[in-house]
Amino acid sequence: MVEISINQIFCKKCGICAYVCPRQVYQFNELEGPQVVKPDDCIFCDLCIMMCPDMAIEIRKAGKE
């Protein structure tokens, strides 16, 4: 399991994260910006994090504690 969070205060809704994601984890529309629609498809490539100009994305592996 994975937890993906987008800081809506930092995000300027550019859509880069949705464009670079090889697994189409994000869905983008111009009014709402990026939305995480398939978090379980994330392969932790970190492309979205590296390409985000606003550093608005955080990805964590969710595990049992």
N, C-alpha and C. Protein backbone atom coordinates (compact mmCIF):
# COMPACT_ATOMS: atom_id res chain seq x y z
N MET A 1 0.84 -1.18 0.00
CA MET A 1 0.00 0.00 0.00
C MET A 1 0.89 1.24 0.00
N VAL A 2 0.33 2.30 -0.54
CA VAL A 2 1.08 3.55 -0.65
C VAL A 2 0.15 4.72 -0.29
N GLU A 3 0.74 5.73 0.31
CA GLU A 3 0.03 6.97 0.59
C GLU A 3 0.68 8.07 -0.23
N ILE A 4 -0.11 8.70 -1.09
CA ILE A 4 0.38 9.80 -1.91
C ILE A 4 -0.39 11.04 -1.51
N SER A 5 0.33 12.08 -1.14
CA SER A 5 -0.35 13.31 -0.77
C SER A 5 0.16 14.46 -1.63
N ILE A 6 -0.76 15.33 -2.00
CA ILE A 6 -0.43 16.52 -2.77
C ILE A 6 -0.79 17.72 -1.91
N ASN A 7 0.21 18.53 -1.61
CA ASN A 7 -0.01 19.72 -0.82
C ASN A 7 -0.68 20.77 -1.72
N GLN A 8 -1.98 20.99 -1.51
CA GLN A 8 -2.75 21.88 -2.38
C GLN A 8 -2.34 23.34 -2.22
N ILE A 9 -1.69 23.67 -1.11
CA ILE A 9 -1.21 25.04 -0.93
C ILE A 9 -0.01 25.31 -1.85
N PHE A 10 0.89 24.33 -1.97
CA PHE A 10 2.07 24.48 -2.81
C PHE A 10 1.78 24.25 -4.30
N CYS A 11 0.87 23.33 -4.60
CA CYS A 11 0.60 22.91 -5.98
C CYS A 11 0.01 24.06 -6.80
N LYS A 12 0.63 24.31 -7.97
CA LYS A 12 0.09 25.35 -8.85
C LYS A 12 -0.70 24.75 -10.02
N LYS A 13 -1.00 23.46 -9.93
CA LYS A 13 -1.84 22.76 -10.90
C LYS A 13 -1.28 22.79 -12.32
N CYS A 14 0.01 22.49 -12.43
CA CYS A 14 0.67 22.49 -13.74
C CYS A 14 0.42 21.19 -14.51
N GLY A 15 0.16 20.08 -13.80
CA GLY A 15 -0.11 18.80 -14.46
C GLY A 15 1.10 17.97 -14.80
N ILE A 16 2.28 18.42 -14.43
CA ILE A 16 3.50 17.68 -14.75
C ILE A 16 3.48 16.29 -14.12
N CYS A 17 3.00 16.18 -12.90
CA CYS A 17 2.98 14.87 -12.22
C CYS A 17 2.16 13.85 -13.01
N ALA A 18 1.00 14.28 -13.50
CA ALA A 18 0.15 13.38 -14.28
C ALA A 18 0.81 13.03 -15.61
N TYR A 19 1.52 13.97 -16.19
CA TYR A 19 2.17 13.75 -17.48
C TYR A 19 3.32 12.76 -17.38
N VAL A 20 4.13 12.85 -16.32
CA VAL A 20 5.34 12.02 -16.24
C VAL A 20 5.10 10.65 -15.60
N CYS A 21 3.97 10.45 -14.96
CA CYS A 21 3.72 9.19 -14.25
C CYS A 21 3.55 8.03 -15.24
N PRO A 22 4.43 7.03 -15.19
CA PRO A 22 4.34 5.92 -16.13
C PRO A 22 3.16 4.98 -15.86
N ARG A 23 2.57 5.05 -14.67
CA ARG A 23 1.47 4.15 -14.30
C ARG A 23 0.12 4.87 -14.22
N GLN A 24 0.08 6.14 -14.60
CA GLN A 24 -1.16 6.94 -14.62
C GLN A 24 -1.86 6.93 -13.27
N VAL A 25 -1.08 7.15 -12.24
CA VAL A 25 -1.59 7.21 -10.88
C VAL A 25 -2.45 8.46 -10.69
N TYR A 26 -2.11 9.53 -11.41
CA TYR A 26 -2.81 10.81 -11.26
C TYR A 26 -3.77 11.05 -12.41
N GLN A 27 -4.82 11.76 -12.09
CA GLN A 27 -5.74 12.26 -13.10
C GLN A 27 -5.71 13.78 -12.96
N PHE A 28 -5.73 14.49 -14.06
CA PHE A 28 -5.58 15.94 -14.00
C PHE A 28 -6.72 16.64 -14.71
N ASN A 29 -7.24 17.68 -14.07
CA ASN A 29 -8.12 18.61 -14.77
C ASN A 29 -7.74 20.02 -14.34
N GLU A 30 -7.99 20.98 -15.18
CA GLU A 30 -7.49 22.33 -14.95
C GLU A 30 -8.13 23.02 -13.75
N LEU A 31 -9.33 22.67 -13.38
CA LEU A 31 -9.99 23.32 -12.25
C LEU A 31 -9.53 22.77 -10.91
N GLU A 32 -9.42 21.47 -10.79
CA GLU A 32 -9.08 20.84 -9.51
C GLU A 32 -7.60 20.49 -9.39
N GLY A 33 -6.89 20.47 -10.50
CA GLY A 33 -5.49 20.07 -10.47
C GLY A 33 -5.36 18.56 -10.45
N PRO A 34 -4.22 18.06 -10.01
CA PRO A 34 -4.00 16.60 -10.00
C PRO A 34 -4.75 15.93 -8.86
N GLN A 35 -5.28 14.76 -9.15
CA GLN A 35 -5.95 13.94 -8.15
C GLN A 35 -5.33 12.55 -8.21
N VAL A 36 -5.11 11.96 -7.05
CA VAL A 36 -4.56 10.60 -6.98
C VAL A 36 -5.73 9.65 -7.18
N VAL A 37 -5.73 8.92 -8.30
CA VAL A 37 -6.84 8.02 -8.62
C VAL A 37 -6.47 6.54 -8.52
N LYS A 38 -5.19 6.21 -8.65
CA LYS A 38 -4.76 4.81 -8.58
C LYS A 38 -3.50 4.68 -7.73
N PRO A 39 -3.58 4.96 -6.44
CA PRO A 39 -2.36 4.93 -5.61
C PRO A 39 -1.69 3.56 -5.56
N ASP A 40 -2.46 2.50 -5.65
CA ASP A 40 -1.87 1.15 -5.58
C ASP A 40 -1.07 0.79 -6.82
N ASP A 41 -1.20 1.57 -7.90
CA ASP A 41 -0.42 1.33 -9.10
C ASP A 41 0.95 2.00 -9.05
N CYS A 42 1.20 2.79 -8.02
CA CYS A 42 2.48 3.51 -7.89
C CYS A 42 3.62 2.50 -7.74
N ILE A 43 4.71 2.73 -8.48
CA ILE A 43 5.88 1.85 -8.43
C ILE A 43 7.08 2.54 -7.76
N PHE A 44 6.83 3.66 -7.10
CA PHE A 44 7.87 4.39 -6.36
C PHE A 44 9.04 4.81 -7.24
N CYS A 45 8.76 5.20 -8.47
CA CYS A 45 9.83 5.67 -9.35
C CYS A 45 10.25 7.10 -8.99
N ASP A 46 9.39 7.82 -8.28
CA ASP A 46 9.64 9.18 -7.81
C ASP A 46 9.75 10.22 -8.92
N LEU A 47 9.33 9.90 -10.14
CA LEU A 47 9.37 10.89 -11.21
C LEU A 47 8.50 12.09 -10.89
N CYS A 48 7.34 11.85 -10.32
CA CYS A 48 6.45 12.96 -10.00
C CYS A 48 7.09 13.89 -8.97
N ILE A 49 7.76 13.32 -7.99
CA ILE A 49 8.42 14.12 -6.96
C ILE A 49 9.58 14.91 -7.56
N MET A 50 10.37 14.26 -8.40
CA MET A 50 11.54 14.92 -8.99
C MET A 50 11.14 16.03 -9.96
N MET A 51 10.05 15.85 -10.67
CA MET A 51 9.66 16.81 -11.69
C MET A 51 8.74 17.92 -11.17
N CYS A 52 8.17 17.75 -10.01
CA CYS A 52 7.26 18.77 -9.46
C CYS A 52 8.03 20.04 -9.14
N PRO A 53 7.71 21.16 -9.82
CA PRO A 53 8.44 22.40 -9.56
C PRO A 53 8.11 23.02 -8.21
N ASP A 54 7.05 22.56 -7.58
CA ASP A 54 6.60 23.15 -6.31
C ASP A 54 6.90 22.27 -5.10
N MET A 55 7.49 21.10 -5.33
CA MET A 55 7.77 20.14 -4.25
C MET A 55 6.50 19.88 -3.43
N ALA A 56 5.40 19.63 -4.13
CA ALA A 56 4.10 19.50 -3.49
C ALA A 56 3.66 18.05 -3.28
N ILE A 57 4.47 17.08 -3.70
CA ILE A 57 4.07 15.67 -3.64
C ILE A 57 4.90 14.92 -2.63
N GLU A 58 4.23 14.09 -1.86
CA GLU A 58 4.91 13.22 -0.90
C GLU A 58 4.36 11.81 -1.07
N ILE A 59 5.26 10.83 -1.12
CA ILE A 59 4.86 9.43 -1.27
C ILE A 59 5.46 8.65 -0.11
N ARG A 60 4.60 7.88 0.55
CA ARG A 60 5.05 7.04 1.66
C ARG A 60 4.49 5.64 1.48
N LYS A 61 5.31 4.67 1.80
CA LYS A 61 4.82 3.29 1.85
C LYS A 61 4.03 3.14 3.14
N ALA A 62 2.80 2.69 3.00
CA ALA A 62 1.96 2.48 4.18
C ALA A 62 2.10 1.04 4.62
N GLY A 63 2.44 0.85 5.86
CA GLY A 63 2.62 -0.50 6.36
C GLY A 63 1.96 -0.70 7.69
N LYS A 64 1.97 -1.91 8.12
CA LYS A 64 1.41 -2.24 9.43
C LYS A 64 2.40 -1.83 10.49
N GLU A 65 1.88 -1.29 11.57
CA GLU A 65 2.78 -0.88 12.66
C GLU A 65 2.43 -1.60 13.93
